[in-house]
Amino acid sequence: MTERAFIPPDYPKSFVLFIIAALIGLVFGGIAMLGAWLQITLLEFVGRSGFVACWAIAAAMFIIFLPRSWAGKYRGLPARPWKEQVW
């Protein structure tokens, strides 16, 4: 059985960061809803702030990824270490 890396080596950095930021944003969204349900203002504030920050990062990465993907820049992308991967 071969182990697969958490960060896939054959995807661009912008795509990987988009997915990670969106998933972390969903966690912060859950924290915000929990804070609202429990009526804990600080918890709700932290959740909302984290959600907005993560989804802003996800939106920026998507704006970087989408036009380059349409242009065919990522077609046939070889597996590379994270430092050498394209944006």
C-alpha atoms as a PDB file:
ATOM      1  CA  MET A   1       0.000   0.000   0.000  1.00  0.00           C
ATOM      2  CA  THR A   2       1.490   3.329  -1.037  1.00  0.00           C
ATOM      3  CA  GLU A   3       0.858   6.398   1.034  1.00  0.00           C
ATOM      4  CA  ARG A   4      -0.517   9.453  -0.707  1.00  0.00           C
ATOM      5  CA  ALA A   5       0.643  12.863   0.471  1.00  0.00           C
ATOM      6  CA  PHE A   6      -1.880  15.193   2.106  1.00  0.00           C
ATOM      7  CA  ILE A   7      -0.969  17.924  -0.377  1.00  0.00           C
ATOM      8  CA  PRO A   8      -1.192  16.399  -3.852  1.00  0.00           C
ATOM      9  CA  PRO A   9       1.989  16.999  -5.894  1.00  0.00           C
ATOM     10  CA  ASP A  10       0.179  17.089  -9.251  1.00  0.00           C
ATOM     11  CA  TYR A  11      -2.165  20.043  -8.609  1.00  0.00           C
ATOM     12  CA  PRO A  12      -1.282  23.761  -8.716  1.00  0.00           C
ATOM     13  CA  LYS A  13      -0.781  25.649  -5.461  1.00  0.00           C
ATOM     14  CA  SER A  14      -3.774  27.905  -6.087  1.00  0.00           C
ATOM     15  CA  PHE A  15      -6.148  24.925  -6.341  1.00  0.00           C
ATOM     16  CA  VAL A  16      -4.802  23.269  -3.186  1.00  0.00           C
ATOM     17  CA  LEU A  17      -5.018  26.510  -1.183  1.00  0.00           C
ATOM     18  CA  PHE A  18      -8.547  27.128  -2.498  1.00  0.00           C
ATOM     19  CA  ILE A  19      -9.727  23.743  -1.215  1.00  0.00           C
ATOM     20  CA  ILE A  20      -7.957  24.050   2.143  1.00  0.00           C
ATOM     21  CA  ALA A  21      -9.218  27.612   2.777  1.00  0.00           C
ATOM     22  CA  ALA A  22     -12.789  26.686   1.834  1.00  0.00           C
ATOM     23  CA  LEU A  23     -12.805  23.660   4.165  1.00  0.00           C
ATOM     24  CA  ILE A  24     -11.317  25.599   7.078  1.00  0.00           C
ATOM     25  CA  GLY A  25     -13.890  28.331   6.382  1.00  0.00           C
ATOM     26  CA  LEU A  26     -16.654  25.770   6.788  1.00  0.00           C
ATOM     27  CA  VAL A  27     -15.262  24.844  10.205  1.00  0.00           C
ATOM     28  CA  PHE A  28     -15.284  28.516  11.212  1.00  0.00           C
ATOM     29  CA  GLY A  29     -18.853  28.770   9.915  1.00  0.00           C
ATOM     30  CA  GLY A  30     -19.830  25.954  12.257  1.00  0.00           C
ATOM     31  CA  ILE A  31     -18.118  27.747  15.129  1.00  0.00           C
ATOM     32  CA  ALA A  32     -20.061  30.926  14.296  1.00  0.00           C
ATOM     33  CA  MET A  33     -23.354  29.023  14.262  1.00  0.00           C
ATOM     34  CA  LEU A  34     -22.493  27.360  17.565  1.00  0.00           C
ATOM     35  CA  GLY A  35     -21.672  30.754  19.081  1.00  0.00           C
ATOM     36  CA  ALA A  36     -24.962  32.185  17.824  1.00  0.00           C
ATOM     37  CA  TRP A  37     -26.923  29.209  19.150  1.00  0.00           C
ATOM     38  CA  LEU A  38     -25.244  29.376  22.560  1.00  0.00           C
ATOM     39  CA  GLN A  39     -25.407  33.186  22.515  1.00  0.00           C
ATOM     40  CA  ILE A  40     -21.669  33.545  23.128  1.00  0.00           C
ATOM     41  CA  THR A  41     -20.730  36.752  21.357  1.00  0.00           C
ATOM     42  CA  LEU A  42     -16.961  36.181  21.328  1.00  0.00           C
ATOM     43  CA  LEU A  43     -17.314  32.691  19.855  1.00  0.00           C
ATOM     44  CA  GLU A  44     -19.683  33.970  17.185  1.00  0.00           C
ATOM     45  CA  PHE A  45     -17.310  36.843  16.351  1.00  0.00           C
ATOM     46  CA  VAL A  46     -14.298  34.529  16.049  1.00  0.00           C
ATOM     47  CA  GLY A  47     -16.297  32.153  13.870  1.00  0.00           C
ATOM     48  CA  ARG A  48     -17.555  34.876  11.562  1.00  0.00           C
ATOM     49  CA  SER A  49     -14.140  36.522  11.293  1.00  0.00           C
ATOM     50  CA  GLY A  50     -12.446  33.224  10.487  1.00  0.00           C
ATOM     51  CA  PHE A  51     -15.152  32.345   7.972  1.00  0.00           C
ATOM     52  CA  VAL A  52     -14.817  35.646   6.135  1.00  0.00           C
ATOM     53  CA  ALA A  53     -10.998  35.525   6.142  1.00  0.00           C
ATOM     54  CA  CYS A  54     -10.854  31.944   4.868  1.00  0.00           C
ATOM     55  CA  TRP A  55     -13.433  32.495   2.163  1.00  0.00           C
ATOM     56  CA  ALA A  56     -11.656  35.688   1.049  1.00  0.00           C
ATOM     57  CA  ILE A  57      -8.472  33.656   0.630  1.00  0.00           C
ATOM     58  CA  ALA A  58     -10.423  30.933  -1.179  1.00  0.00           C
ATOM     59  CA  ALA A  59     -11.937  33.512  -3.536  1.00  0.00           C
ATOM     60  CA  ALA A  60      -8.515  34.997  -4.313  1.00  0.00           C
ATOM     61  CA  MET A  61      -7.066  31.556  -5.053  1.00  0.00           C
ATOM     62  CA  PHE A  62     -10.047  30.727  -7.266  1.00  0.00           C
ATOM     63  CA  ILE A  63      -9.539  33.983  -9.187  1.00  0.00           C
ATOM     64  CA  ILE A  64      -5.911  32.974  -9.743  1.00  0.00           C
ATOM     65  CA  PHE A  65      -6.730  29.360 -10.634  1.00  0.00           C
ATOM     66  CA  LEU A  66      -9.702  29.686 -12.984  1.00  0.00           C
ATOM     67  CA  PRO A  67      -8.290  31.832 -15.830  1.00  0.00           C
ATOM     68  CA  ARG A  68      -5.040  29.889 -15.873  1.00  0.00           C
ATOM     69  CA  SER A  69      -6.956  26.635 -15.975  1.00  0.00           C
ATOM     70  CA  TRP A  70      -9.074  27.858 -18.898  1.00  0.00           C
ATOM     71  CA  ALA A  71      -5.886  28.939 -20.697  1.00  0.00           C
ATOM     72  CA  GLY A  72      -4.535  25.394 -20.393  1.00  0.00           C
ATOM     73  CA  LYS A  73      -1.583  26.219 -18.153  1.00  0.00           C
ATOM     74  CA  TYR A  74      -2.224  23.204 -15.926  1.00  0.00           C
ATOM     75  CA  ARG A  75      -2.719  20.648 -18.696  1.00  0.00           C
ATOM     76  CA  GLY A  76      -0.306  17.745 -18.194  1.00  0.00           C
ATOM     77  CA  LEU A  77       1.050  19.146 -14.934  1.00  0.00           C
ATOM     78  CA  PRO A  78       3.838  16.868 -13.606  1.00  0.00           C
ATOM     79  CA  ALA A  79       4.089  15.866  -9.978  1.00  0.00           C
ATOM     80  CA  ARG A  80       6.539  18.205  -8.229  1.00  0.00           C
ATOM     81  CA  PRO A  81       7.448  19.088  -4.642  1.00  0.00           C
ATOM     82  CA  TRP A  82       5.338  21.895  -3.154  1.00  0.00           C
ATOM     83  CA  LYS A  83       8.109  24.520  -3.453  1.00  0.00           C
ATOM     84  CA  GLU A  84       8.485  23.865  -7.181  1.00  0.00           C
ATOM     85  CA  GLN A  85       4.794  23.629  -8.075  1.00  0.00           C
ATOM     86  CA  VAL A  86       3.202  26.375 -10.199  1.00  0.00           C
ATOM     87  CA  TRP A  87       0.527  28.756  -8.960  1.00  0.00           C
END
